[in-house]
PDB file of N, CA and C in Angstrom:
ATOM      1  N   MET A   1       0.776  -1.374   0.250  1.00  0.00           N
ATOM      2  CA  MET A   1      -0.019  -0.089   0.023  1.00  0.00           C
ATOM      3  C   MET A   1       1.098   1.302   0.099  1.00  0.00           C
ATOM      4  N   ALA A   2       0.643   2.179  -1.041  1.00  0.00           N
ATOM      5  CA  ALA A   2       1.401   3.603  -0.815  1.00  0.00           C
ATOM      6  C   ALA A   2       0.923   4.233  -0.019  1.00  0.00           C
ATOM      7  N   ASP A   3       1.576   5.060   0.626  1.00  0.00           N
ATOM      8  CA  ASP A   3       1.600   6.665   1.261  1.00  0.00           C
ATOM      9  C   ASP A   3       0.452   7.241   0.918  1.00  0.00           C
ATOM     10  N   HIS A   4      -0.852   7.373   1.408  1.00  0.00           N
ATOM     11  CA  HIS A   4      -1.970   8.017   1.071  1.00  0.00           C
ATOM     12  C   HIS A   4      -2.613   9.119   2.191  1.00  0.00           C
ATOM     13  N   ALA A   5      -2.990  10.178   1.881  1.00  0.00           N
ATOM     14  CA  ALA A   5      -4.148  11.048   2.463  1.00  0.00           C
ATOM     15  C   ALA A   5      -4.598  11.750   1.432  1.00  0.00           C
ATOM     16  N   THR A   6      -5.461  12.402   1.717  1.00  0.00           N
ATOM     17  CA  THR A   6      -6.344  13.732   1.070  1.00  0.00           C
ATOM     18  C   THR A   6      -6.934  14.253   2.478  1.00  0.00           C
ATOM     19  N   PRO A   7      -6.479  14.270   3.488  1.00  0.00           N
ATOM     20  CA  PRO A   7      -7.725  15.601   4.467  1.00  0.00           C
ATOM     21  C   PRO A   7      -7.851  17.009   3.795  1.00  0.00           C
ATOM     22  N   ASN A   8      -8.762  17.157   4.861  1.00  0.00           N
ATOM     23  CA  ASN A   8      -9.540  18.325   4.467  1.00  0.00           C
ATOM     24  C   ASN A   8      -8.998  19.176   5.935  1.00  0.00           C
ATOM     25  N   LEU A   9      -8.114  20.484   5.953  1.00  0.00           N
ATOM     26  CA  LEU A   9      -7.481  20.207   7.265  1.00  0.00           C
ATOM     27  C   LEU A   9      -7.768  22.414   7.214  1.00  0.00           C
ATOM     28  N   PRO A  10      -8.287  22.953   8.490  1.00  0.00           N
ATOM     29  CA  PRO A  10      -7.869  24.355   8.560  1.00  0.00           C
ATOM     30  C   PRO A  10      -6.407  24.721   8.631  1.00  0.00           C
ATOM     31  N   SER A  11      -6.798  26.183   8.287  1.00  0.00           N
ATOM     32  CA  SER A  11      -5.300  26.734   8.617  1.00  0.00           C
ATOM     33  C   SER A  11      -5.452  28.471   8.464  1.00  0.00           C
ATOM     34  N   ARG A  12      -5.326  29.241   9.708  1.00  0.00           N
ATOM     35  CA  ARG A  12      -5.251  30.189   9.880  1.00  0.00           C
ATOM     36  C   ARG A  12      -4.676  31.445   9.043  1.00  0.00           C
ATOM     37  N   ASP A  13      -3.614  30.540   8.031  1.00  0.00           N
ATOM     38  CA  ASP A  13      -2.818  31.695   7.756  1.00  0.00           C
ATOM     39  C   ASP A  13      -2.167  30.077   6.477  1.00  0.00           C
ATOM     40  N   PHE A  14      -2.545  31.007   5.395  1.00  0.00           N
ATOM     41  CA  PHE A  14      -1.790  29.801   4.464  1.00  0.00           C
ATOM     42  C   PHE A  14      -0.462  29.742   4.143  1.00  0.00           C
ATOM     43  N   ALA A  15      -0.017  31.319   4.515  1.00  0.00           N
ATOM     44  CA  ALA A  15       1.927  31.353   4.378  1.00  0.00           C
ATOM     45  C   ALA A  15       2.449  30.492   5.412  1.00  0.00           C
ATOM     46  N   ALA A  16       1.602  30.751   6.633  1.00  0.00           N
ATOM     47  CA  ALA A  16       2.117  30.233   7.676  1.00  0.00           C
ATOM     48  C   ALA A  16       2.341  28.507   7.438  1.00  0.00           C
ATOM     49  N   THR A  17       0.927  28.085   7.150  1.00  0.00           N
ATOM     50  CA  THR A  17       0.907  26.705   7.108  1.00  0.00           C
ATOM     51  C   THR A  17       1.694  26.075   5.694  1.00  0.00           C
ATOM     52  N   ALA A  18       2.193  26.747   5.091  1.00  0.00           N
ATOM     53  CA  ALA A  18       2.909  25.978   3.940  1.00  0.00           C
ATOM     54  C   ALA A  18       4.830  26.265   3.925  1.00  0.00           C
ATOM     55  N   ALA A  19       4.665  27.260   5.023  1.00  0.00           N
ATOM     56  CA  ALA A  19       5.989  27.548   5.678  1.00  0.00           C
ATOM     57  C   ALA A  19       6.412  26.314   6.794  1.00  0.00           C
ATOM     58  N   PHE A  20       5.523  25.814   7.732  1.00  0.00           N
ATOM     59  CA  PHE A  20       5.528  24.959   8.858  1.00  0.00           C
ATOM     60  C   PHE A  20       5.492  23.690   7.809  1.00  0.00           C
ATOM     61  N   TYR A  21       5.205  22.955   7.062  1.00  0.00           N
ATOM     62  CA  TYR A  21       5.388  21.975   6.292  1.00  0.00           C
ATOM     63  C   TYR A  21       6.489  22.174   5.212  1.00  0.00           C
ATOM     64  N   ALA A  22       7.133  22.965   4.529  1.00  0.00           N
ATOM     65  CA  ALA A  22       7.960  22.756   3.856  1.00  0.00           C
ATOM     66  C   ALA A  22       9.199  22.368   4.049  1.00  0.00           C
ATOM     67  N   PRO A  23       9.796  22.363   5.263  1.00  0.00           N
ATOM     68  CA  PRO A  23      11.080  21.722   5.338  1.00  0.00           C
ATOM     69  C   PRO A  23      10.866  19.871   5.635  1.00  0.00           C
ATOM     70  N   ALA A  24       9.407  19.660   5.884  1.00  0.00           N
ATOM     71  CA  ALA A  24       9.124  18.323   5.630  1.00  0.00           C
ATOM     72  C   ALA A  24       9.134  17.980   4.231  1.00  0.00           C
ATOM     73  N   GLY A  25       9.450  18.878   3.137  1.00  0.00           N
ATOM     74  CA  GLY A  25       9.195  18.190   1.838  1.00  0.00           C
ATOM     75  C   GLY A  25       8.020  18.640   1.066  1.00  0.00           C
ATOM     76  N   PHE A  26       6.754  19.293   1.631  1.00  0.00           N
ATOM     77  CA  PHE A  26       5.649  19.138   0.898  1.00  0.00           C
ATOM     78  C   PHE A  26       5.550  20.639   0.022  1.00  0.00           C
ATOM     79  N   ILE A  27       5.132  20.670  -0.862  1.00  0.00           N
ATOM     80  CA  ILE A  27       5.243  21.683  -2.301  1.00  0.00           C
ATOM     81  C   ILE A  27       3.767  22.347  -2.253  1.00  0.00           C
ATOM     82  N   GLN A  28       3.409  23.461  -2.376  1.00  0.00           N
ATOM     83  CA  GLN A  28       2.600  24.478  -2.683  1.00  0.00           C
ATOM     84  C   GLN A  28       1.842  23.610  -4.298  1.00  0.00           C
ATOM     85  N   ALA A  29       1.015  23.143  -4.712  1.00  0.00           N
ATOM     86  CA  ALA A  29       0.120  22.387  -5.734  1.00  0.00           C
ATOM     87  C   ALA A  29      -0.865  23.644  -6.006  1.00  0.00           C
ATOM     88  N   TYR A  30      -1.532  23.932  -5.036  1.00  0.00           N
ATOM     89  CA  TYR A  30      -2.736  24.869  -5.291  1.00  0.00           C
ATOM     90  C   TYR A  30      -2.644  25.606  -4.739  1.00  0.00           C
ATOM     91  N   ARG A  31      -2.982  26.378  -4.411  1.00  0.00           N
ATOM     92  CA  ARG A  31      -3.511  27.901  -3.695  1.00  0.00           C
ATOM     93  C   ARG A  31      -4.351  29.053  -4.070  1.00  0.00           C
ATOM     94  N   SER A  32      -5.895  29.352  -4.159  1.00  0.00           N
ATOM     95  CA  SER A  32      -6.734  30.084  -4.306  1.00  0.00           C
ATOM     96  C   SER A  32      -6.812  30.960  -2.710  1.00  0.00           C
ATOM     97  N   ASP A  33      -8.058  31.926  -2.769  1.00  0.00           N
ATOM     98  CA  ASP A  33      -8.112  32.557  -1.436  1.00  0.00           C
ATOM     99  C   ASP A  33      -8.349  31.789  -0.417  1.00  0.00           C
ATOM    100  N   GLY A  34      -9.572  30.825  -0.915  1.00  0.00           N
ATOM    101  CA  GLY A  34     -10.248  29.855   0.127  1.00  0.00           C
ATOM    102  C   GLY A  34      -9.319  28.877   0.456  1.00  0.00           C
ATOM    103  N   TRP A  35      -8.588  27.958  -0.148  1.00  0.00           N
ATOM    104  CA  TRP A  35      -8.226  26.720  -0.205  1.00  0.00           C
ATOM    105  C   TRP A  35      -6.528  26.662  -1.120  1.00  0.00           C
ATOM    106  N   MET A  36      -6.092  25.730   0.237  1.00  0.00           N
ATOM    107  CA  MET A  36      -4.656  25.170  -0.486  1.00  0.00           C
ATOM    108  C   MET A  36      -4.173  23.959  -0.251  1.00  0.00           C
ATOM    109  N   ILE A  37      -3.826  23.629  -1.342  1.00  0.00           N
ATOM    110  CA  ILE A  37      -2.965  21.994  -1.221  1.00  0.00           C
ATOM    111  C   ILE A  37      -1.636  22.033  -1.557  1.00  0.00           C
ATOM    112  N   LEU A  38      -1.209  21.130  -0.617  1.00  0.00           N
ATOM    113  CA  LEU A  38       0.491  20.591  -0.265  1.00  0.00           C
ATOM    114  C   LEU A  38       0.553  19.313  -0.763  1.00  0.00           C
ATOM    115  N   GLU A  39       1.646  18.994  -1.542  1.00  0.00           N
ATOM    116  CA  GLU A  39       2.061  17.663  -1.886  1.00  0.00           C
ATOM    117  C   GLU A  39       3.768  17.316  -1.676  1.00  0.00           C
ATOM    118  N   ARG A  40       3.474  15.660  -0.833  1.00  0.00           N
ATOM    119  CA  ARG A  40       4.983  15.496  -0.514  1.00  0.00           C
ATOM    120  C   ARG A  40       4.463  14.214  -1.140  1.00  0.00           C
ATOM    121  N   GLY A  41       5.105  13.629  -2.227  1.00  0.00           N
ATOM    122  CA  GLY A  41       4.658  12.409  -2.777  1.00  0.00           C
ATOM    123  C   GLY A  41       3.026  12.053  -3.232  1.00  0.00           C
ATOM    124  N   GLY A  42       3.039  10.921  -2.512  1.00  0.00           N
ATOM    125  CA  GLY A  42       1.218  10.631  -2.772  1.00  0.00           C
ATOM    126  C   GLY A  42       0.863  10.831  -1.424  1.00  0.00           C
ATOM    127  N   LEU A  43       1.486  11.966  -0.855  1.00  0.00           N
ATOM    128  CA  LEU A  43       0.655  12.943   0.301  1.00  0.00           C
ATOM    129  C   LEU A  43      -0.183  13.758   0.217  1.00  0.00           C
ATOM    130  N   VAL A  44      -1.248  13.753   0.236  1.00  0.00           N
ATOM    131  CA  VAL A  44      -1.779  14.894   0.101  1.00  0.00           C
ATOM    132  C   VAL A  44      -2.709  15.866   0.953  1.00  0.00           C
ATOM    133  N   LEU A  45      -2.064  16.945   1.385  1.00  0.00           N
ATOM    134  CA  LEU A  45      -3.179  18.137   2.699  1.00  0.00           C
ATOM    135  C   LEU A  45      -3.659  18.728   1.722  1.00  0.00           C
ATOM    136  N   GLU A  46      -4.931  18.845   1.881  1.00  0.00           N
ATOM    137  CA  GLU A  46      -5.571  20.079   1.684  1.00  0.00           C
ATOM    138  C   GLU A  46      -6.177  20.894   2.618  1.00  0.00           C
ATOM    139  N   PHE A  47      -5.962  22.451   2.623  1.00  0.00           N
ATOM    140  CA  PHE A  47      -6.228  23.098   3.579  1.00  0.00           C
ATOM    141  C   PHE A  47      -7.599  24.173   3.079  1.00  0.00           C
ATOM    142  N   PHE A  48      -8.454  24.331   4.149  1.00  0.00           N
ATOM    143  CA  PHE A  48      -9.613  25.310   3.696  1.00  0.00           C
ATOM    144  C   PHE A  48      -8.713  26.745   4.658  1.00  0.00           C
ATOM    145  N   ALA A  49      -9.268  27.990   4.362  1.00  0.00           N
ATOM    146  CA  ALA A  49      -9.644  29.007   5.359  1.00  0.00           C
ATOM    147  C   ALA A  49      -9.954  28.827   6.638  1.00  0.00           C
ATOM    148  N   PHE A  50      -9.335  29.603   7.379  1.00  0.00           N
ATOM    149  CA  PHE A  50     -10.266  29.234   8.731  1.00  0.00           C
ATOM    150  C   PHE A  50      -9.273  30.362  10.320  1.00  0.00           C
ATOM    151  N   PRO A  51      -9.468  31.707   9.614  1.00  0.00           N
ATOM    152  CA  PRO A  51      -8.716  32.718  10.682  1.00  0.00           C
ATOM    153  C   PRO A  51      -9.001  32.668  11.461  1.00  0.00           C
ATOM    154  N   GLY A  52     -10.291  32.605  11.725  1.00  0.00           N
ATOM    155  CA  GLY A  52     -10.816  32.600  13.399  1.00  0.00           C
ATOM    156  C   GLY A  52     -10.543  31.681  14.177  1.00  0.00           C
ATOM    157  N   LEU A  53      -9.941  30.154  13.517  1.00  0.00           N
ATOM    158  CA  LEU A  53      -9.713  29.307  14.568  1.00  0.00           C
ATOM    159  C   LEU A  53      -8.910  29.523  15.684  1.00  0.00           C
ATOM    160  N   ASP A  54      -9.301  28.520  16.725  1.00  0.00           N
ATOM    161  CA  ASP A  54      -8.810  28.284  18.036  1.00  0.00           C
ATOM    162  C   ASP A  54      -7.720  27.107  17.897  1.00  0.00           C
ATOM    163  N   PRO A  55      -6.673  27.326  17.772  1.00  0.00           N
ATOM    164  CA  PRO A  55      -5.866  26.067  18.035  1.00  0.00           C
ATOM    165  C   PRO A  55      -6.117  24.908  18.923  1.00  0.00           C
ATOM    166  N   LEU A  56      -6.318  25.720  20.168  1.00  0.00           N
ATOM    167  CA  LEU A  56      -6.132  25.065  21.420  1.00  0.00           C
ATOM    168  C   LEU A  56      -7.840  24.285  21.877  1.00  0.00           C
ATOM    169  N   SER A  57      -8.635  24.506  20.658  1.00  0.00           N
ATOM    170  CA  SER A  57     -10.199  23.942  20.747  1.00  0.00           C
ATOM    171  C   SER A  57     -10.162  23.271  19.883  1.00  0.00           C
ATOM    172  N   SER A  58      -9.240  23.058  18.749  1.00  0.00           N
ATOM    173  CA  SER A  58      -9.480  22.321  17.230  1.00  0.00           C
ATOM    174  C   SER A  58      -9.683  20.794  17.696  1.00  0.00           C
ATOM    175  N   SER A  59     -10.557  20.468  16.636  1.00  0.00           N
ATOM    176  CA  SER A  59     -11.175  19.028  16.788  1.00  0.00           C
ATOM    177  C   SER A  59     -10.587  18.215  15.642  1.00  0.00           C
ATOM    178  N   PHE A  60      -9.584  19.064  14.572  1.00  0.00           N
ATOM    179  CA  PHE A  60      -9.796  18.565  13.297  1.00  0.00           C
ATOM    180  C   PHE A  60      -8.388  17.814  13.650  1.00  0.00           C
ATOM    181  N   GLY A  61      -8.233  16.604  12.372  1.00  0.00           N
ATOM    182  CA  GLY A  61      -7.490  15.654  12.131  1.00  0.00           C
ATOM    183  C   GLY A  61      -7.521  14.562  11.457  1.00  0.00           C
ATOM    184  N   CYS A  62      -6.879  13.553  10.957  1.00  0.00           N
ATOM    185  CA  CYS A  62      -6.661  12.609   9.941  1.00  0.00           C
ATOM    186  C   CYS A  62      -5.353  11.378  10.324  1.00  0.00           C
ATOM    187  N   CYS A  63      -5.399  10.684   9.563  1.00  0.00           N
ATOM    188  CA  CYS A  63      -4.686   9.293   9.298  1.00  0.00           C
ATOM    189  C   CYS A  63      -3.477   9.637   8.293  1.00  0.00           C
ATOM    190  N   LEU A  64      -2.342  10.071   8.529  1.00  0.00           N
ATOM    191  CA  LEU A  64      -1.478   9.803   7.559  1.00  0.00           C
ATOM    192  C   LEU A  64      -0.728   8.144   7.470  1.00  0.00           C
ATOM    193  N   ARG A  65      -1.476   7.540   6.740  1.00  0.00           N
ATOM    194  CA  ARG A  65      -1.166   5.818   6.350  1.00  0.00           C
ATOM    195  C   ARG A  65       0.160   5.628   5.868  1.00  0.00           C
ATOM    196  N   LEU A  66       1.356   5.621   6.297  1.00  0.00           N
ATOM    197  CA  LEU A  66       2.906   5.519   5.272  1.00  0.00           C
ATOM    198  C   LEU A  66       3.636   4.100   5.269  1.00  0.00           C
ATOM    199  N   ASP A  67       4.227   3.833   4.552  1.00  0.00           N
ATOM    200  CA  ASP A  67       4.887   2.671   4.429  1.00  0.00           C
ATOM    201  C   ASP A  67       6.272   2.815   5.031  1.00  0.00           C
ATOM    202  N   ASP A  68       6.719   3.744   5.042  1.00  0.00           N
ATOM    203  CA  ASP A  68       8.159   3.849   6.107  1.00  0.00           C
ATOM    204  C   ASP A  68       7.988   5.126   7.261  1.00  0.00           C
ATOM    205  N   LEU A  69       7.023   4.942   8.008  1.00  0.00           N
ATOM    206  CA  LEU A  69       6.533   5.681   9.278  1.00  0.00           C
ATOM    207  C   LEU A  69       7.507   6.313   9.953  1.00  0.00           C
ATOM    208  N   ASP A  70       8.601   5.625  10.496  1.00  0.00           N
ATOM    209  CA  ASP A  70      10.020   5.838  11.002  1.00  0.00           C
ATOM    210  C   ASP A  70      11.011   6.856  10.283  1.00  0.00           C
ATOM    211  N   GLY A  71      10.833   7.072   9.098  1.00  0.00           N
ATOM    212  CA  GLY A  71      11.558   7.702   7.627  1.00  0.00           C
ATOM    213  C   GLY A  71      10.816   8.865   8.122  1.00  0.00           C
ATOM    214  N   PHE A  72       9.202   9.135   8.078  1.00  0.00           N
ATOM    215  CA  PHE A  72       8.511  10.022   7.452  1.00  0.00           C
ATOM    216  C   PHE A  72       8.584  10.913   9.219  1.00  0.00           C
ATOM    217  N   TYR A  73       8.809  10.124  10.366  1.00  0.00           N
ATOM    218  CA  TYR A  73       8.990  10.567  11.794  1.00  0.00           C
ATOM    219  C   TYR A  73      10.457  11.827  12.097  1.00  0.00           C
ATOM    220  N   ALA A  74      11.152  10.593  11.323  1.00  0.00           N
ATOM    221  CA  ALA A  74      12.579  11.442  11.332  1.00  0.00           C
ATOM    222  C   ALA A  74      13.160  12.733  10.531  1.00  0.00           C
ATOM    223  N   VAL A  75      12.225  12.681   9.082  1.00  0.00           N
ATOM    224  CA  VAL A  75      11.729  14.201   8.556  1.00  0.00           C
ATOM    225  C   VAL A  75      11.286  14.979   9.779  1.00  0.00           C
ATOM    226  N   LEU A  76      10.236  14.925  10.136  1.00  0.00           N
ATOM    227  CA  LEU A  76       9.448  15.577  11.031  1.00  0.00           C
ATOM    228  C   LEU A  76      10.519  16.149  12.357  1.00  0.00           C
ATOM    229  N   LYS A  77      11.009  15.361  12.565  1.00  0.00           N
ATOM    230  CA  LYS A  77      11.798  15.441  14.033  1.00  0.00           C
ATOM    231  C   LYS A  77      12.766  16.631  13.578  1.00  0.00           C
ATOM    232  N   ALA A  78      13.338  15.999  12.223  1.00  0.00           N
ATOM    233  CA  ALA A  78      14.659  16.813  11.903  1.00  0.00           C
ATOM    234  C   ALA A  78      14.602  18.330  11.619  1.00  0.00           C
ATOM    235  N   CYS A  79      12.989  18.407  11.488  1.00  0.00           N
ATOM    236  CA  CYS A  79      12.362  20.236  11.114  1.00  0.00           C
ATOM    237  C   CYS A  79      12.521  20.673  12.321  1.00  0.00           C
ATOM    238  N   GLY A  80      12.767  20.205  13.352  1.00  0.00           N
ATOM    239  CA  GLY A  80      12.880  20.954  14.930  1.00  0.00           C
ATOM    240  C   GLY A  80      11.305  20.666  15.337  1.00  0.00           C
ATOM    241  N   ILE A  81      10.146  20.200  14.995  1.00  0.00           N
ATOM    242  CA  ILE A  81       9.550  19.896  15.756  1.00  0.00           C
ATOM    243  C   ILE A  81       9.710  19.170  17.130  1.00  0.00           C
ATOM    244  N   PRO A  82       9.353  19.784  17.991  1.00  0.00           N
ATOM    245  CA  PRO A  82       9.527  19.294  19.413  1.00  0.00           C
ATOM    246  C   PRO A  82       8.885  17.826  19.477  1.00  0.00           C
ATOM    247  N   GLU A  83       9.394  16.853  20.407  1.00  0.00           N
ATOM    248  CA  GLU A  83       8.893  15.624  20.784  1.00  0.00           C
ATOM    249  C   GLU A  83       8.210  16.355  22.240  1.00  0.00           C
ATOM    250  N   ARG A  84       6.959  16.580  23.083  1.00  0.00           N
ATOM    251  CA  ARG A  84       6.488  16.590  24.001  1.00  0.00           C
ATOM    252  C   ARG A  84       5.009  16.294  24.236  1.00  0.00           C
ATOM    253  N   ASP A  85       4.607  16.734  25.524  1.00  0.00           N
ATOM    254  CA  ASP A  85       3.325  16.217  25.716  1.00  0.00           C
ATOM    255  C   ASP A  85       2.226  17.421  26.037  1.00  0.00           C
ATOM    256  N   ASP A  86       2.914  18.354  25.656  1.00  0.00           N
ATOM    257  CA  ASP A  86       1.773  19.775  25.412  1.00  0.00           C
ATOM    258  C   ASP A  86       2.194  20.605  24.710  1.00  0.00           C
ATOM    259  N   GLY A  87       1.402  21.529  24.287  1.00  0.00           N
ATOM    260  CA  GLY A  87       1.984  22.675  23.309  1.00  0.00           C
ATOM    261  C   GLY A  87       1.691  22.101  22.063  1.00  0.00           C
ATOM    262  N   GLN A  88       1.957  22.918  21.228  1.00  0.00           N
ATOM    263  CA  GLN A  88       1.602  23.241  19.576  1.00  0.00           C
ATOM    264  C   GLN A  88       2.713  23.745  18.944  1.00  0.00           C
ATOM    265  N   PRO A  89       2.967  23.009  17.778  1.00  0.00           N
ATOM    266  CA  PRO A  89       2.926  21.892  17.622  1.00  0.00           C
ATOM    267  C   PRO A  89       4.010  20.954  18.280  1.00  0.00           C
ATOM    268  N   ARG A  90       3.998  19.745  17.961  1.00  0.00           N
ATOM    269  CA  ARG A  90       4.611  18.936  18.546  1.00  0.00           C
ATOM    270  C   ARG A  90       4.189  17.337  18.166  1.00  0.00           C
ATOM    271  N   LEU A  91       5.492  16.477  18.043  1.00  0.00           N
ATOM    272  CA  LEU A  91       5.258  15.147  17.780  1.00  0.00           C
ATOM    273  C   LEU A  91       5.280  14.064  19.037  1.00  0.00           C
ATOM    274  N   GLN A  92       4.679  13.003  18.582  1.00  0.00           N
ATOM    275  CA  GLN A  92       4.947  11.787  19.993  1.00  0.00           C
ATOM    276  C   GLN A  92       5.311  10.930  18.695  1.00  0.00           C
ATOM    277  N   PRO A  93       6.250   9.786  19.541  1.00  0.00           N
ATOM    278  CA  PRO A  93       7.411   9.227  18.966  1.00  0.00           C
ATOM    279  C   PRO A  93       6.135   8.207  18.811  1.00  0.00           C
ATOM    280  N   PRO A  94       6.323   6.868  17.546  1.00  0.00           N
ATOM    281  CA  PRO A  94       5.444   6.034  17.219  1.00  0.00           C
ATOM    282  C   PRO A  94       5.323   4.824  18.065  1.00  0.00           C
ATOM    283  N   ARG A  95       4.484   4.399  18.462  1.00  0.00           N
ATOM    284  CA  ARG A  95       4.564   2.972  19.471  1.00  0.00           C
ATOM    285  C   ARG A  95       3.710   2.067  19.333  1.00  0.00           C
ATOM    286  N   ARG A  96       4.027   1.006  19.346  1.00  0.00           N
ATOM    287  CA  ARG A  96       2.977  -0.130  19.115  1.00  0.00           C
ATOM    288  C   ARG A  96       1.341   0.015  19.957  1.00  0.00           C
ATOM    289  N   GLN A  97       0.931  -0.142  19.266  1.00  0.00           N
ATOM    290  CA  GLN A  97      -0.634   0.109  19.742  1.00  0.00           C
ATOM    291  C   GLN A  97      -1.331  -1.091  20.310  1.00  0.00           C
ATOM    292  N   PRO A  98      -2.740  -0.665  21.115  1.00  0.00           N
ATOM    293  CA  PRO A  98      -2.922  -2.169  21.747  1.00  0.00           C
ATOM    294  C   PRO A  98      -3.699  -3.076  20.769  1.00  0.00           C
ATOM    295  N   TRP A  99      -3.853  -2.914  19.388  1.00  0.00           N
ATOM    296  CA  TRP A  99      -4.435  -3.621  18.245  1.00  0.00           C
ATOM    297  C   TRP A  99      -3.559  -4.034  17.463  1.00  0.00           C
ATOM    298  N   GLY A 100      -2.123  -3.570  17.930  1.00  0.00           N
ATOM    299  CA  GLY A 100      -1.186  -4.335  17.335  1.00  0.00           C
ATOM    300  C   GLY A 100      -0.239  -3.609  16.103  1.00  0.00           C
ATOM    301  N   GLY A 101      -0.789  -2.527  15.760  1.00  0.00           N
ATOM    302  CA  GLY A 101       0.180  -1.350  14.791  1.00  0.00           C
ATOM    303  C   GLY A 101       0.801  -0.701  15.495  1.00  0.00           C
ATOM    304  N   ARG A 102       1.653   0.376  14.881  1.00  0.00           N
ATOM    305  CA  ARG A 102       2.614   1.355  15.627  1.00  0.00           C
ATOM    306  C   ARG A 102       2.043   2.492  14.822  1.00  0.00           C
ATOM    307  N   VAL A 103       1.908   3.869  15.974  1.00  0.00           N
ATOM    308  CA  VAL A 103       1.668   4.757  15.194  1.00  0.00           C
ATOM    309  C   VAL A 103       1.984   5.657  16.147  1.00  0.00           C
ATOM    310  N   GLY A 104       2.785   7.202  15.324  1.00  0.00           N
ATOM    311  CA  GLY A 104       3.192   8.205  16.113  1.00  0.00           C
ATOM    312  C   GLY A 104       1.849   9.620  16.103  1.00  0.00           C
ATOM    313  N   PHE A 105       2.169  10.633  16.463  1.00  0.00           N
ATOM    314  CA  PHE A 105       1.548  11.738  16.337  1.00  0.00           C
ATOM    315  C   PHE A 105       2.115  12.837  16.089  1.00  0.00           C
ATOM    316  N   LEU A 106       1.488  14.143  15.107  1.00  0.00           N
ATOM    317  CA  LEU A 106       1.587  15.169  15.039  1.00  0.00           C
ATOM    318  C   LEU A 106       0.667  16.020  15.791  1.00  0.00           C
ATOM    319  N   ILE A 107       0.738  16.799  16.225  1.00  0.00           N
ATOM    320  CA  ILE A 107      -0.266  18.160  15.792  1.00  0.00           C
ATOM    321  C   ILE A 107       0.621  19.536  15.540  1.00  0.00           C
ATOM    322  N   ASP A 108      -0.293  20.085  14.601  1.00  0.00           N
ATOM    323  CA  ASP A 108       0.479  21.182  13.747  1.00  0.00           C
ATOM    324  C   ASP A 108      -0.125  22.279  14.392  1.00  0.00           C
ATOM    325  N   PRO A 109       0.311  23.580  14.080  1.00  0.00           N
ATOM    326  CA  PRO A 109       0.508  24.675  14.600  1.00  0.00           C
ATOM    327  C   PRO A 109      -0.913  25.372  14.592  1.00  0.00           C
ATOM    328  N   ASP A 110      -2.089  24.883  14.034  1.00  0.00           N
ATOM    329  CA  ASP A 110      -3.601  25.218  13.887  1.00  0.00           C
ATOM    330  C   ASP A 110      -4.237  24.063  14.758  1.00  0.00           C
ATOM    331  N   GLY A 111      -3.346  22.912  15.520  1.00  0.00           N
ATOM    332  CA  GLY A 111      -4.081  22.189  16.519  1.00  0.00           C
ATOM    333  C   GLY A 111      -4.538  20.905  15.408  1.00  0.00           C
ATOM    334  N   SER A 112      -4.285  20.907  14.551  1.00  0.00           N
ATOM    335  CA  SER A 112      -4.924  19.421  13.840  1.00  0.00           C
ATOM    336  C   SER A 112      -3.938  18.449  14.215  1.00  0.00           C
ATOM    337  N   LEU A 113      -4.549  17.002  14.512  1.00  0.00           N
ATOM    338  CA  LEU A 113      -3.853  15.637  15.069  1.00  0.00           C
ATOM    339  C   LEU A 113      -3.711  14.841  13.948  1.00  0.00           C
ATOM    340  N   PHE A 114      -2.627  14.532  13.415  1.00  0.00           N
ATOM    341  CA  PHE A 114      -2.409  13.531  12.468  1.00  0.00           C
ATOM    342  C   PHE A 114      -1.517  12.583  13.413  1.00  0.00           C
ATOM    343  N   HIS A 115      -2.598  11.195  13.007  1.00  0.00           N
ATOM    344  CA  HIS A 115      -2.017   9.720  13.846  1.00  0.00           C
ATOM    345  C   HIS A 115      -1.367   9.831  12.483  1.00  0.00           C
ATOM    346  N   LEU A 116      -0.055   9.065  12.816  1.00  0.00           N
ATOM    347  CA  LEU A 116       1.171   8.849  11.682  1.00  0.00           C
ATOM    348  C   LEU A 116       1.072   7.306  11.811  1.00  0.00           C
ATOM    349  N   VAL A 117       0.573   6.421  10.957  1.00  0.00           N
ATOM    350  CA  VAL A 117      -0.102   4.991  10.885  1.00  0.00           C
ATOM    351  C   VAL A 117       0.844   4.063  10.031  1.00  0.00           C
ATOM    352  N   GLN A 118       1.863   3.366  10.543  1.00  0.00           N
ATOM    353  CA  GLN A 118       2.509   2.593   9.326  1.00  0.00           C
ATOM    354  C   GLN A 118       1.829   1.498   8.513  1.00  0.00           C
ATOM    355  N   ASN A 119       1.636   1.585   7.771  1.00  0.00           N
ATOM    356  CA  ASN A 119       1.128   0.206   7.185  1.00  0.00           C
ATOM    357  C   ASN A 119       1.304  -0.850   7.009  1.00  0.00           C
TER     358      ASN A 119
END
């Protein structure tokens, strides 16, 4: 199974969102006043404008199903996203889950929760 995702997530500021994801290899494939698409290989992240979003009360999220979870996580960590239990942005390292799979987590600056799931 190839890496894939097409979530629709909020962005308070498209320029700031694009700048956050760029060091991880995401490039802007489309942008209008209300919509932006970032791509990295088979991963596609779609963002809608939500300037009034309170990131601390956001309930947006998605799963990125990855063939190389550890490699992708290492890229995010190398971007300077801190591993911690609170605040945002932040990472939590991949761990084996009770159901048997491995999952890590990313919370971006707009409060969106990414489940980073090993295929």
